[in-house]
Amino acid sequence: MTLAPGLTVDLLKAAPGQNVSITVSHDFTVLENSLSNLASAYNAAADAVAQQRGKDAGPLSGQSIVFALGSALRSLTQHSGSGPSESLAGLGLSLGQDGHLSFDSTAFDAAGISNIQTTLGSTSGGGFLMAAHNALANVADSTSGALESSISSLTDQISRSQDRIAEEENRITALQDNLQQRLAAADAAIAVLQNQVTYMTNLFSTMYPNANKSDSSS
């Protein structure tokens, strides 16, 4: 039977006249693990973005997606509610000087259920969850997200580059064909000239058969 929303008990046997006490407490183990995993995932993402900046930046250096991802990460760490207890510190999360996020289970346990629930909120009703949801949507939305826009832009650039390469290849092929035709014409002209030289030499020898002898005797 359901005693309260999210609380169900199975009655196995009756005990007439005997009072039964049911104690319910919150188990935050799953939430603590999730926040710890969030810190690890954030740090991995921050390191990946940092590798695309600076002197030894990776292949995405200068791409707008690097700025978009950095902005999304900053929006997570800069989240704050109406009071200090509703900041990331209220969830046991803190940002270090190295730009890495860390989770402190002791600080989380000391925050209290009310502050934790207020700070977390929901994906549609405010709080950290809504901020995180919106940040991820801005990056990963399949229609208007920064990733999709970058992929579309890179795809267009690749397509234009391929078109230019194809045009250059056609120009090179046409130039090769033209050069081959000119070389063939030059070879034909040289052959004609050689034939003419041979003809004139033979003709000269026929008309002046003693010319070579005179040259030899002199």
C-alpha atoms as a PDB file:
ATOM      1  CA  MET A   1       0.000   0.000   0.000  1.00  0.00           C
ATOM      2  CA  THR A   2       1.114   3.599  -0.607  1.00  0.00           C
ATOM      3  CA  LEU A   3       1.604   5.643   2.545  1.00  0.00           C
ATOM      4  CA  ALA A   4       2.906   8.765   0.817  1.00  0.00           C
ATOM      5  CA  PRO A   5       4.076   9.772  -2.661  1.00  0.00           C
ATOM      6  CA  GLY A   6       7.099   7.615  -3.398  1.00  0.00           C
ATOM      7  CA  LEU A   7       6.638   5.519  -0.213  1.00  0.00           C
ATOM      8  CA  THR A   8       5.110   2.055  -0.595  1.00  0.00           C
ATOM      9  CA  VAL A   9       5.018  -0.781   1.972  1.00  0.00           C
ATOM     10  CA  ASP A  10       4.078  -4.423   1.623  1.00  0.00           C
ATOM     11  CA  LEU A  11       1.893  -5.757   4.440  1.00  0.00           C
ATOM     12  CA  LEU A  12       2.908  -9.369   4.982  1.00  0.00           C
ATOM     13  CA  LYS A  13       0.732 -10.263   7.992  1.00  0.00           C
ATOM     14  CA  ALA A  14      -1.660  -8.697  10.476  1.00  0.00           C
ATOM     15  CA  ALA A  15      -0.740  -8.013  14.117  1.00  0.00           C
ATOM     16  CA  PRO A  16      -3.946  -6.962  15.906  1.00  0.00           C
ATOM     17  CA  GLY A  17      -3.360  -4.664  18.874  1.00  0.00           C
ATOM     18  CA  GLN A  18       0.322  -4.175  18.069  1.00  0.00           C
ATOM     19  CA  ASN A  19       1.558  -0.782  16.959  1.00  0.00           C
ATOM     20  CA  VAL A  20       4.112  -0.732  14.142  1.00  0.00           C
ATOM     21  CA  SER A  21       6.431   2.250  13.647  1.00  0.00           C
ATOM     22  CA  ILE A  22       7.837   3.083  10.239  1.00  0.00           C
ATOM     23  CA  THR A  23      10.850   5.363  10.125  1.00  0.00           C
ATOM     24  CA  VAL A  24      11.700   7.016   6.815  1.00  0.00           C
ATOM     25  CA  SER A  25      14.958   8.847   6.130  1.00  0.00           C
ATOM     26  CA  HIS A  26      16.575  10.322   3.034  1.00  0.00           C
ATOM     27  CA  ASP A  27      19.326   8.366   1.331  1.00  0.00           C
ATOM     28  CA  PHE A  28      21.528  10.759  -0.586  1.00  0.00           C
ATOM     29  CA  THR A  29      24.079   8.167  -1.690  1.00  0.00           C
ATOM     30  CA  VAL A  30      22.893   8.196  -5.304  1.00  0.00           C
ATOM     31  CA  LEU A  31      22.802  12.005  -5.371  1.00  0.00           C
ATOM     32  CA  GLU A  32      26.270  12.242  -3.830  1.00  0.00           C
ATOM     33  CA  ASN A  33      27.637   9.836  -6.427  1.00  0.00           C
ATOM     34  CA  SER A  34      25.956  11.844  -9.180  1.00  0.00           C
ATOM     35  CA  LEU A  35      27.466  15.123  -7.955  1.00  0.00           C
ATOM     36  CA  SER A  36      30.901  13.506  -7.672  1.00  0.00           C
ATOM     37  CA  ASN A  37      30.553  12.172 -11.225  1.00  0.00           C
ATOM     38  CA  LEU A  38      29.420  15.630 -12.341  1.00  0.00           C
ATOM     39  CA  ALA A  39      32.626  17.144 -10.955  1.00  0.00           C
ATOM     40  CA  SER A  40      34.744  14.536 -12.772  1.00  0.00           C
ATOM     41  CA  ALA A  41      32.870  15.046 -16.057  1.00  0.00           C
ATOM     42  CA  TYR A  42      33.158  18.827 -15.715  1.00  0.00           C
ATOM     43  CA  ASN A  43      36.912  18.616 -15.152  1.00  0.00           C
ATOM     44  CA  ALA A  44      37.389  16.343 -18.167  1.00  0.00           C
ATOM     45  CA  ALA A  45      35.375  18.752 -20.340  1.00  0.00           C
ATOM     46  CA  ALA A  46      37.259  21.797 -19.007  1.00  0.00           C
ATOM     47  CA  ASP A  47      40.610  20.126 -19.759  1.00  0.00           C
ATOM     48  CA  ALA A  48      39.462  19.217 -23.280  1.00  0.00           C
ATOM     49  CA  VAL A  49      38.405  22.812 -23.966  1.00  0.00           C
ATOM     50  CA  ALA A  50      41.669  24.162 -22.520  1.00  0.00           C
ATOM     51  CA  GLN A  51      43.623  21.989 -24.974  1.00  0.00           C
ATOM     52  CA  GLN A  52      42.055  23.959 -27.841  1.00  0.00           C
ATOM     53  CA  ARG A  53      43.434  27.285 -26.595  1.00  0.00           C
ATOM     54  CA  GLY A  54      46.840  28.902 -26.394  1.00  0.00           C
ATOM     55  CA  LYS A  55      50.090  28.473 -28.292  1.00  0.00           C
ATOM     56  CA  ASP A  56      49.865  24.692 -28.586  1.00  0.00           C
ATOM     57  CA  ALA A  57      46.125  24.605 -29.252  1.00  0.00           C
ATOM     58  CA  GLY A  58      44.485  21.635 -30.922  1.00  0.00           C
ATOM     59  CA  PRO A  59      42.665  21.452 -34.283  1.00  0.00           C
ATOM     60  CA  LEU A  60      39.606  23.334 -32.968  1.00  0.00           C
ATOM     61  CA  SER A  61      41.630  26.447 -32.164  1.00  0.00           C
ATOM     62  CA  GLY A  62      39.759  29.553 -33.260  1.00  0.00           C
ATOM     63  CA  GLN A  63      36.476  27.704 -33.775  1.00  0.00           C
ATOM     64  CA  SER A  64      33.339  29.198 -32.221  1.00  0.00           C
ATOM     65  CA  ILE A  65      32.468  25.872 -30.595  1.00  0.00           C
ATOM     66  CA  VAL A  66      35.424  26.295 -28.197  1.00  0.00           C
ATOM     67  CA  PHE A  67      33.989  29.598 -26.952  1.00  0.00           C
ATOM     68  CA  ALA A  68      30.481  28.088 -26.713  1.00  0.00           C
ATOM     69  CA  LEU A  69      31.680  25.124 -24.660  1.00  0.00           C
ATOM     70  CA  GLY A  70      33.708  27.364 -22.367  1.00  0.00           C
ATOM     71  CA  SER A  71      30.699  29.612 -21.851  1.00  0.00           C
ATOM     72  CA  ALA A  72      28.492  26.623 -21.021  1.00  0.00           C
ATOM     73  CA  LEU A  73      30.982  25.384 -18.431  1.00  0.00           C
ATOM     74  CA  ARG A  74      31.252  28.827 -16.844  1.00  0.00           C
ATOM     75  CA  SER A  75      27.482  29.088 -16.574  1.00  0.00           C
ATOM     76  CA  LEU A  76      27.480  25.930 -14.459  1.00  0.00           C
ATOM     77  CA  THR A  77      30.112  27.107 -11.997  1.00  0.00           C
ATOM     78  CA  GLN A  78      28.663  30.627 -11.761  1.00  0.00           C
ATOM     79  CA  HIS A  79      25.188  29.431 -10.840  1.00  0.00           C
ATOM     80  CA  SER A  80      23.709  31.016  -7.725  1.00  0.00           C
ATOM     81  CA  GLY A  81      20.240  31.194  -6.253  1.00  0.00           C
ATOM     82  CA  SER A  82      18.610  33.808  -4.063  1.00  0.00           C
ATOM     83  CA  GLY A  83      21.066  33.272  -1.215  1.00  0.00           C
ATOM     84  CA  PRO A  84      24.518  31.890  -0.399  1.00  0.00           C
ATOM     85  CA  SER A  85      23.032  28.547   0.619  1.00  0.00           C
ATOM     86  CA  GLU A  86      21.628  28.121  -2.897  1.00  0.00           C
ATOM     87  CA  SER A  87      25.007  28.329  -4.642  1.00  0.00           C
ATOM     88  CA  LEU A  88      27.074  25.340  -5.740  1.00  0.00           C
ATOM     89  CA  ALA A  89      28.637  25.340  -2.282  1.00  0.00           C
ATOM     90  CA  GLY A  90      25.223  24.283  -0.999  1.00  0.00           C
ATOM     91  CA  LEU A  91      25.670  21.085  -3.019  1.00  0.00           C
ATOM     92  CA  GLY A  92      29.191  20.498  -1.777  1.00  0.00           C
ATOM     93  CA  LEU A  93      30.703  21.688  -5.050  1.00  0.00           C
ATOM     94  CA  SER A  94      33.525  24.220  -5.274  1.00  0.00           C
ATOM     95  CA  LEU A  95      35.715  25.570  -8.073  1.00  0.00           C
ATOM     96  CA  GLY A  96      39.469  25.570  -7.419  1.00  0.00           C
ATOM     97  CA  GLN A  97      42.145  27.962  -8.648  1.00  0.00           C
ATOM     98  CA  ASP A  98      43.096  25.375 -11.277  1.00  0.00           C
ATOM     99  CA  GLY A  99      39.621  25.616 -12.805  1.00  0.00           C
ATOM    100  CA  HIS A 100      38.638  22.158 -11.589  1.00  0.00           C
ATOM    101  CA  LEU A 101      35.423  21.359  -9.777  1.00  0.00           C
ATOM    102  CA  SER A 102      35.541  19.271  -6.587  1.00  0.00           C
ATOM    103  CA  PHE A 103      32.841  17.635  -4.485  1.00  0.00           C
ATOM    104  CA  ASP A 104      32.931  17.639  -0.672  1.00  0.00           C
ATOM    105  CA  SER A 105      30.525  15.087   0.810  1.00  0.00           C
ATOM    106  CA  THR A 106      30.909  16.594   4.287  1.00  0.00           C
ATOM    107  CA  ALA A 107      29.761  20.016   3.089  1.00  0.00           C
ATOM    108  CA  PHE A 108      26.936  18.327   1.196  1.00  0.00           C
ATOM    109  CA  ASP A 109      25.734  16.466   4.305  1.00  0.00           C
ATOM    110  CA  ALA A 110      25.838  19.690   6.327  1.00  0.00           C
ATOM    111  CA  ALA A 111      23.720  21.618   3.830  1.00  0.00           C
ATOM    112  CA  GLY A 112      20.405  20.126   4.902  1.00  0.00           C
ATOM    113  CA  ILE A 113      17.619  18.631   2.829  1.00  0.00           C
ATOM    114  CA  SER A 114      15.731  21.905   2.398  1.00  0.00           C
ATOM    115  CA  ASN A 115      18.733  23.809   1.007  1.00  0.00           C
ATOM    116  CA  ILE A 116      19.705  20.886  -1.230  1.00  0.00           C
ATOM    117  CA  GLN A 117      16.218  20.636  -2.720  1.00  0.00           C
ATOM    118  CA  THR A 118      16.025  24.418  -3.245  1.00  0.00           C
ATOM    119  CA  THR A 119      19.473  24.580  -4.821  1.00  0.00           C
ATOM    120  CA  LEU A 120      18.828  21.634  -7.125  1.00  0.00           C
ATOM    121  CA  GLY A 121      15.359  22.777  -8.236  1.00  0.00           C
ATOM    122  CA  SER A 122      14.209  21.013 -11.402  1.00  0.00           C
ATOM    123  CA  THR A 123      14.909  21.082 -15.123  1.00  0.00           C
ATOM    124  CA  SER A 124      11.897  23.329 -15.667  1.00  0.00           C
ATOM    125  CA  GLY A 125      11.385  25.079 -12.336  1.00  0.00           C
ATOM    126  CA  GLY A 126      14.649  26.884 -11.634  1.00  0.00           C
ATOM    127  CA  GLY A 127      17.692  25.958  -9.617  1.00  0.00           C
ATOM    128  CA  PHE A 128      20.924  24.282 -10.637  1.00  0.00           C
ATOM    129  CA  LEU A 129      19.211  21.523 -12.620  1.00  0.00           C
ATOM    130  CA  MET A 130      17.451  24.052 -14.855  1.00  0.00           C
ATOM    131  CA  ALA A 131      20.697  26.018 -15.350  1.00  0.00           C
ATOM    132  CA  ALA A 132      22.543  22.815 -16.262  1.00  0.00           C
ATOM    133  CA  HIS A 133      19.729  21.705 -18.571  1.00  0.00           C
ATOM    134  CA  ASN A 134      19.708  25.046 -20.401  1.00  0.00           C
ATOM    135  CA  ALA A 135      23.504  25.102 -20.698  1.00  0.00           C
ATOM    136  CA  LEU A 136      23.559  21.615 -22.205  1.00  0.00           C
ATOM    137  CA  ALA A 137      20.644  22.439 -24.521  1.00  0.00           C
ATOM    138  CA  ASN A 138      22.498  25.503 -25.832  1.00  0.00           C
ATOM    139  CA  VAL A 139      25.387  23.250 -26.745  1.00  0.00           C
ATOM    140  CA  ALA A 140      23.828  19.918 -27.670  1.00  0.00           C
ATOM    141  CA  ASP A 141      20.374  20.742 -29.051  1.00  0.00           C
ATOM    142  CA  SER A 142      20.009  18.828 -32.322  1.00  0.00           C
ATOM    143  CA  THR A 143      18.453  21.825 -34.094  1.00  0.00           C
ATOM    144  CA  SER A 144      19.967  25.012 -32.693  1.00  0.00           C
ATOM    145  CA  GLY A 145      22.786  23.867 -30.414  1.00  0.00           C
ATOM    146  CA  ALA A 146      26.348  25.130 -30.782  1.00  0.00           C
ATOM    147  CA  LEU A 147      27.601  21.651 -31.695  1.00  0.00           C
ATOM    148  CA  GLU A 148      25.066  21.275 -34.487  1.00  0.00           C
ATOM    149  CA  SER A 149      25.861  24.765 -35.786  1.00  0.00           C
ATOM    150  CA  SER A 150      29.596  24.034 -35.757  1.00  0.00           C
ATOM    151  CA  ILE A 151      29.108  20.688 -37.480  1.00  0.00           C
ATOM    152  CA  SER A 152      26.948  22.345 -40.126  1.00  0.00           C
ATOM    153  CA  SER A 153      29.511  25.125 -40.620  1.00  0.00           C
ATOM    154  CA  LEU A 154      32.411  22.674 -40.883  1.00  0.00           C
ATOM    155  CA  THR A 155      30.415  20.504 -43.293  1.00  0.00           C
ATOM    156  CA  ASP A 156      29.812  23.549 -45.505  1.00  0.00           C
ATOM    157  CA  GLN A 157      33.507  24.467 -45.375  1.00  0.00           C
ATOM    158  CA  ILE A 158      34.497  20.927 -46.316  1.00  0.00           C
ATOM    159  CA  SER A 159      31.988  20.913 -49.173  1.00  0.00           C
ATOM    160  CA  ARG A 160      33.314  24.234 -50.509  1.00  0.00           C
ATOM    161  CA  SER A 161      36.889  22.997 -50.198  1.00  0.00           C
ATOM    162  CA  GLN A 162      36.011  19.827 -52.094  1.00  0.00           C
ATOM    163  CA  ASP A 163      34.375  21.914 -54.824  1.00  0.00           C
ATOM    164  CA  ARG A 164      37.500  24.083 -55.120  1.00  0.00           C
ATOM    165  CA  ILE A 165      39.702  20.990 -55.229  1.00  0.00           C
ATOM    166  CA  ALA A 166      37.533  19.518 -57.981  1.00  0.00           C
ATOM    167  CA  GLU A 167      37.761  22.779 -59.947  1.00  0.00           C
ATOM    168  CA  GLU A 168      41.561  22.843 -59.596  1.00  0.00           C
ATOM    169  CA  GLU A 169      41.788  19.198 -60.648  1.00  0.00           C
ATOM    170  CA  ASN A 170      39.710  19.996 -63.758  1.00  0.00           C
ATOM    171  CA  ARG A 171      41.989  22.951 -64.537  1.00  0.00           C
ATOM    172  CA  ILE A 172      45.085  20.777 -64.135  1.00  0.00           C
ATOM    173  CA  THR A 173      43.584  18.079 -66.365  1.00  0.00           C
ATOM    174  CA  ALA A 174      42.728  20.661 -69.020  1.00  0.00           C
ATOM    175  CA  LEU A 175      46.251  22.120 -68.795  1.00  0.00           C
ATOM    176  CA  GLN A 176      47.787  18.659 -69.175  1.00  0.00           C
ATOM    177  CA  ASP A 177      45.622  17.957 -72.211  1.00  0.00           C
ATOM    178  CA  ASN A 178      46.596  21.293 -73.732  1.00  0.00           C
ATOM    179  CA  LEU A 179      50.303  20.695 -73.118  1.00  0.00           C
ATOM    180  CA  GLN A 180      50.100  17.199 -74.581  1.00  0.00           C
ATOM    181  CA  GLN A 181      48.425  18.588 -77.685  1.00  0.00           C
ATOM    182  CA  ARG A 182      51.132  21.237 -78.034  1.00  0.00           C
ATOM    183  CA  LEU A 183      53.888  18.673 -77.542  1.00  0.00           C
ATOM    184  CA  ALA A 184      52.296  16.451 -80.165  1.00  0.00           C
ATOM    185  CA  ALA A 185      52.092  19.407 -82.572  1.00  0.00           C
ATOM    186  CA  ALA A 186      55.738  20.311 -81.826  1.00  0.00           C
ATOM    187  CA  ASP A 187      56.834  16.717 -82.460  1.00  0.00           C
ATOM    188  CA  ALA A 188      54.954  16.731 -85.760  1.00  0.00           C
ATOM    189  CA  ALA A 189      56.563  20.057 -86.758  1.00  0.00           C
ATOM    190  CA  ILE A 190      60.029  18.763 -85.878  1.00  0.00           C
ATOM    191  CA  ALA A 191      59.421  15.629 -87.948  1.00  0.00           C
ATOM    192  CA  VAL A 192      58.377  17.765 -90.936  1.00  0.00           C
ATOM    193  CA  LEU A 193      61.481  19.940 -90.563  1.00  0.00           C
ATOM    194  CA  GLN A 194      63.701  16.881 -90.357  1.00  0.00           C
ATOM    195  CA  ASN A 195      62.124  15.521 -93.522  1.00  0.00           C
ATOM    196  CA  GLN A 196      62.655  18.854 -95.246  1.00  0.00           C
ATOM    197  CA  VAL A 197      66.305  18.922 -94.168  1.00  0.00           C
ATOM    198  CA  THR A 198      66.805  15.411 -95.529  1.00  0.00           C
ATOM    199  CA  TYR A 199      65.042  16.328 -98.764  1.00  0.00           C
ATOM    200  CA  MET A 200      67.104  19.496 -99.250  1.00  0.00           C
ATOM    201  CA  THR A 201      70.320  17.641 -98.467  1.00  0.00           C
ATOM    202  CA  ASN A 202      69.543  14.962-101.025  1.00  0.00           C
ATOM    203  CA  LEU A 203      68.481  17.553-103.566  1.00  0.00           C
ATOM    204  CA  PHE A 204      71.673  19.536-103.057  1.00  0.00           C
ATOM    205  CA  SER A 205      73.741  16.380-103.454  1.00  0.00           C
ATOM    206  CA  THR A 206      71.953  15.547-106.687  1.00  0.00           C
ATOM    207  CA  MET A 207      72.317  19.024-108.166  1.00  0.00           C
ATOM    208  CA  TYR A 208      75.937  19.463-107.132  1.00  0.00           C
ATOM    209  CA  PRO A 209      77.439  16.002-107.058  1.00  0.00           C
ATOM    210  CA  ASN A 210      81.013  17.339-107.072  1.00  0.00           C
ATOM    211  CA  ALA A 211      80.534  19.847-104.277  1.00  0.00           C
ATOM    212  CA  ASN A 212      81.654  17.448-101.597  1.00  0.00           C
ATOM    213  CA  LYS A 213      84.640  16.339-103.661  1.00  0.00           C
ATOM    214  CA  SER A 214      85.748  19.942-104.202  1.00  0.00           C
ATOM    215  CA  ASP A 215      85.481  20.642-100.528  1.00  0.00           C
ATOM    216  CA  SER A 216      87.515  17.533 -99.781  1.00  0.00           C
ATOM    217  CA  SER A 217      90.299  18.380-102.266  1.00  0.00           C
ATOM    218  CA  SER A 218      90.641  21.919-101.042  1.00  0.00           C
END
